[in-house]
Amino acid sequence: MIKIEAIIRPQKLDEVKAALDEIGIAGITVTEVHGSGRQKGYTQTYRGAEYTINLLQKVKIEVVVPDALAERVVEALQEAARTGEIGDGKIFLIPVADAIRIRTGERGDSAVK
């Protein structure tokens, strides 16, 4: 099994969820996060004072899938989240040793389907 973590632009979340749903991925975790990278940030003025915002809002999507589905999920994420601009995000693939469904005790691939 592979855990796929994707950091994307918040405005692309609906497109990414739809793309994952199309390939049969229903179980995802979504977290609002802040981070910095090549996008650097921006300067904002509030009540006459200038503020530099260097931690930008992003969304982290996590999904655990069988090895055979990992590449399809990565392709779907890339296509749905891409704008072509700096700040589109990153995708990380992490090996998962085991997964257990708490309710039934199922283990492995059957626990994540």
C-alpha atoms as a PDB file:
ATOM      1  CA  MET A   1       0.000   0.000   0.000  1.00  0.00           C
ATOM      2  CA  ILE A   2       1.009   3.585  -0.621  1.00  0.00           C
ATOM      3  CA  LYS A   3       0.008   6.724   1.264  1.00  0.00           C
ATOM      4  CA  ILE A   4      -0.261   9.640  -1.137  1.00  0.00           C
ATOM      5  CA  GLU A   5      -0.049  13.139   0.303  1.00  0.00           C
ATOM      6  CA  ALA A   6      -0.724  16.080  -1.971  1.00  0.00           C
ATOM      7  CA  ILE A   7      -0.334  19.742  -1.069  1.00  0.00           C
ATOM      8  CA  ILE A   8      -2.483  21.785  -3.470  1.00  0.00           C
ATOM      9  CA  ARG A   9      -4.107  25.187  -3.957  1.00  0.00           C
ATOM     10  CA  PRO A  10      -7.378  25.456  -1.984  1.00  0.00           C
ATOM     11  CA  GLN A  11      -9.334  26.523  -5.078  1.00  0.00           C
ATOM     12  CA  LYS A  12      -8.432  23.222  -6.817  1.00  0.00           C
ATOM     13  CA  LEU A  13      -9.926  21.002  -4.084  1.00  0.00           C
ATOM     14  CA  ASP A  14     -13.289  20.425  -5.789  1.00  0.00           C
ATOM     15  CA  GLU A  15     -11.609  19.471  -9.071  1.00  0.00           C
ATOM     16  CA  VAL A  16      -9.241  17.081  -7.288  1.00  0.00           C
ATOM     17  CA  LYS A  17     -12.078  15.438  -5.334  1.00  0.00           C
ATOM     18  CA  ALA A  18     -14.039  14.960  -8.565  1.00  0.00           C
ATOM     19  CA  ALA A  19     -10.996  13.453 -10.320  1.00  0.00           C
ATOM     20  CA  LEU A  20     -10.404  11.006  -7.459  1.00  0.00           C
ATOM     21  CA  ASP A  21     -14.091  10.088  -7.374  1.00  0.00           C
ATOM     22  CA  GLU A  22     -13.954   9.330 -11.124  1.00  0.00           C
ATOM     23  CA  ILE A  23     -11.284   6.669 -10.574  1.00  0.00           C
ATOM     24  CA  GLY A  24     -13.113   5.168  -7.597  1.00  0.00           C
ATOM     25  CA  ILE A  25     -11.231   6.761  -4.694  1.00  0.00           C
ATOM     26  CA  ALA A  26     -13.791   7.740  -2.055  1.00  0.00           C
ATOM     27  CA  GLY A  27     -11.826   7.715   1.207  1.00  0.00           C
ATOM     28  CA  ILE A  28      -9.711  10.850   1.526  1.00  0.00           C
ATOM     29  CA  THR A  29      -8.594  13.117   4.348  1.00  0.00           C
ATOM     30  CA  VAL A  30      -8.418  16.855   3.722  1.00  0.00           C
ATOM     31  CA  THR A  31      -6.585  19.292   5.999  1.00  0.00           C
ATOM     32  CA  GLU A  32      -6.176  23.054   5.691  1.00  0.00           C
ATOM     33  CA  VAL A  33      -2.469  23.876   6.034  1.00  0.00           C
ATOM     34  CA  HIS A  34      -0.127  26.846   5.617  1.00  0.00           C
ATOM     35  CA  GLY A  35       3.308  26.702   4.032  1.00  0.00           C
ATOM     36  CA  SER A  36       5.944  28.364   1.947  1.00  0.00           C
ATOM     37  CA  GLY A  37       8.032  27.366  -1.018  1.00  0.00           C
ATOM     38  CA  ARG A  38       8.940  28.941  -4.334  1.00  0.00           C
ATOM     39  CA  GLN A  39       5.716  30.944  -4.326  1.00  0.00           C
ATOM     40  CA  LYS A  40       7.280  33.127  -1.585  1.00  0.00           C
ATOM     41  CA  GLY A  41       4.159  34.975  -0.404  1.00  0.00           C
ATOM     42  CA  TYR A  42       2.870  38.509  -0.796  1.00  0.00           C
ATOM     43  CA  THR A  43       2.694  41.888   0.925  1.00  0.00           C
ATOM     44  CA  GLN A  44      -0.603  43.274   2.198  1.00  0.00           C
ATOM     45  CA  THR A  45      -1.555  46.638   3.694  1.00  0.00           C
ATOM     46  CA  TYR A  46      -3.941  46.765   6.632  1.00  0.00           C
ATOM     47  CA  ARG A  47      -4.869  50.092   8.276  1.00  0.00           C
ATOM     48  CA  GLY A  48      -1.806  51.748   6.855  1.00  0.00           C
ATOM     49  CA  ALA A  49       0.646  49.087   8.029  1.00  0.00           C
ATOM     50  CA  GLU A  50       2.342  46.740   5.590  1.00  0.00           C
ATOM     51  CA  TYR A  51       2.408  43.010   6.373  1.00  0.00           C
ATOM     52  CA  THR A  52       4.307  40.272   4.595  1.00  0.00           C
ATOM     53  CA  ILE A  53       2.351  37.044   4.317  1.00  0.00           C
ATOM     54  CA  ASN A  54       4.891  34.290   3.673  1.00  0.00           C
ATOM     55  CA  LEU A  55       2.891  31.266   4.832  1.00  0.00           C
ATOM     56  CA  LEU A  56       0.232  30.722   2.195  1.00  0.00           C
ATOM     57  CA  GLN A  57      -2.989  28.751   2.556  1.00  0.00           C
ATOM     58  CA  LYS A  58      -2.858  25.295   1.018  1.00  0.00           C
ATOM     59  CA  VAL A  59      -4.847  22.070   1.308  1.00  0.00           C
ATOM     60  CA  LYS A  60      -3.288  18.702   2.137  1.00  0.00           C
ATOM     61  CA  ILE A  61      -5.030  15.631   0.761  1.00  0.00           C
ATOM     62  CA  GLU A  62      -4.134  12.206   2.122  1.00  0.00           C
ATOM     63  CA  VAL A  63      -5.223   8.878   0.660  1.00  0.00           C
ATOM     64  CA  VAL A  64      -3.979   5.313   1.157  1.00  0.00           C
ATOM     65  CA  VAL A  65      -4.355   3.033  -1.863  1.00  0.00           C
ATOM     66  CA  PRO A  66      -3.149  -0.386  -3.022  1.00  0.00           C
ATOM     67  CA  ASP A  67       0.148  -0.255  -4.936  1.00  0.00           C
ATOM     68  CA  ALA A  68      -1.637  -0.999  -8.217  1.00  0.00           C
ATOM     69  CA  LEU A  69      -3.744   2.199  -7.978  1.00  0.00           C
ATOM     70  CA  ALA A  70      -0.996   4.581  -6.889  1.00  0.00           C
ATOM     71  CA  GLU A  71       0.081   5.741 -10.359  1.00  0.00           C
ATOM     72  CA  ARG A  72      -3.528   6.370 -11.474  1.00  0.00           C
ATOM     73  CA  VAL A  73      -4.123   8.458  -8.346  1.00  0.00           C
ATOM     74  CA  VAL A  74      -0.939  10.481  -8.931  1.00  0.00           C
ATOM     75  CA  GLU A  75      -1.929  11.163 -12.556  1.00  0.00           C
ATOM     76  CA  ALA A  76      -5.444  12.231 -11.513  1.00  0.00           C
ATOM     77  CA  LEU A  77      -4.014  14.550  -8.846  1.00  0.00           C
ATOM     78  CA  GLN A  78      -1.541  16.121 -11.264  1.00  0.00           C
ATOM     79  CA  GLU A  79      -4.127  16.757 -13.964  1.00  0.00           C
ATOM     80  CA  ALA A  80      -6.761  18.167 -11.605  1.00  0.00           C
ATOM     81  CA  ALA A  81      -4.448  20.353  -9.485  1.00  0.00           C
ATOM     82  CA  ARG A  82      -2.206  21.786 -12.219  1.00  0.00           C
ATOM     83  CA  THR A  83      -2.505  25.449 -13.207  1.00  0.00           C
ATOM     84  CA  GLY A  84       0.993  25.758 -14.667  1.00  0.00           C
ATOM     85  CA  GLU A  85       1.954  28.468 -12.178  1.00  0.00           C
ATOM     86  CA  ILE A  86       4.423  28.387  -9.292  1.00  0.00           C
ATOM     87  CA  GLY A  87       2.615  27.176  -6.176  1.00  0.00           C
ATOM     88  CA  ASP A  88       0.633  24.301  -7.693  1.00  0.00           C
ATOM     89  CA  GLY A  89       1.950  22.035  -4.933  1.00  0.00           C
ATOM     90  CA  LYS A  90       3.676  18.709  -4.396  1.00  0.00           C
ATOM     91  CA  ILE A  91       2.758  15.021  -4.243  1.00  0.00           C
ATOM     92  CA  PHE A  92       4.505  12.619  -1.861  1.00  0.00           C
ATOM     93  CA  LEU A  93       4.336   8.809  -1.975  1.00  0.00           C
ATOM     94  CA  ILE A  94       5.001   6.988   1.298  1.00  0.00           C
ATOM     95  CA  PRO A  95       5.056   3.192   1.756  1.00  0.00           C
ATOM     96  CA  VAL A  96       2.496   1.873   4.263  1.00  0.00           C
ATOM     97  CA  ALA A  97       3.328  -1.327   6.122  1.00  0.00           C
ATOM     98  CA  ASP A  98      -0.237  -2.193   7.117  1.00  0.00           C
ATOM     99  CA  ALA A  99      -3.727  -0.773   7.588  1.00  0.00           C
ATOM    100  CA  ILE A 100      -6.437  -2.004   9.947  1.00  0.00           C
ATOM    101  CA  ARG A 101     -10.151  -1.199   9.748  1.00  0.00           C
ATOM    102  CA  ILE A 102     -11.126  -0.647  13.379  1.00  0.00           C
ATOM    103  CA  ARG A 103     -14.759  -1.732  12.975  1.00  0.00           C
ATOM    104  CA  THR A 104     -14.097  -5.156  11.419  1.00  0.00           C
ATOM    105  CA  GLY A 105     -10.423  -5.862  12.055  1.00  0.00           C
ATOM    106  CA  GLU A 106      -9.732  -6.227   8.318  1.00  0.00           C
ATOM    107  CA  ARG A 107      -6.086  -5.716   7.407  1.00  0.00           C
ATOM    108  CA  GLY A 108      -4.111  -4.712   4.344  1.00  0.00           C
ATOM    109  CA  ASP A 109      -5.658  -3.694   1.022  1.00  0.00           C
ATOM    110  CA  SER A 110      -9.173  -4.734   2.075  1.00  0.00           C
ATOM    111  CA  ALA A 111      -9.038  -2.252   4.966  1.00  0.00           C
ATOM    112  CA  VAL A 112      -8.533   0.719   2.639  1.00  0.00           C
ATOM    113  CA  LYS A 113     -11.108  -0.120  -0.043  1.00  0.00           C
END
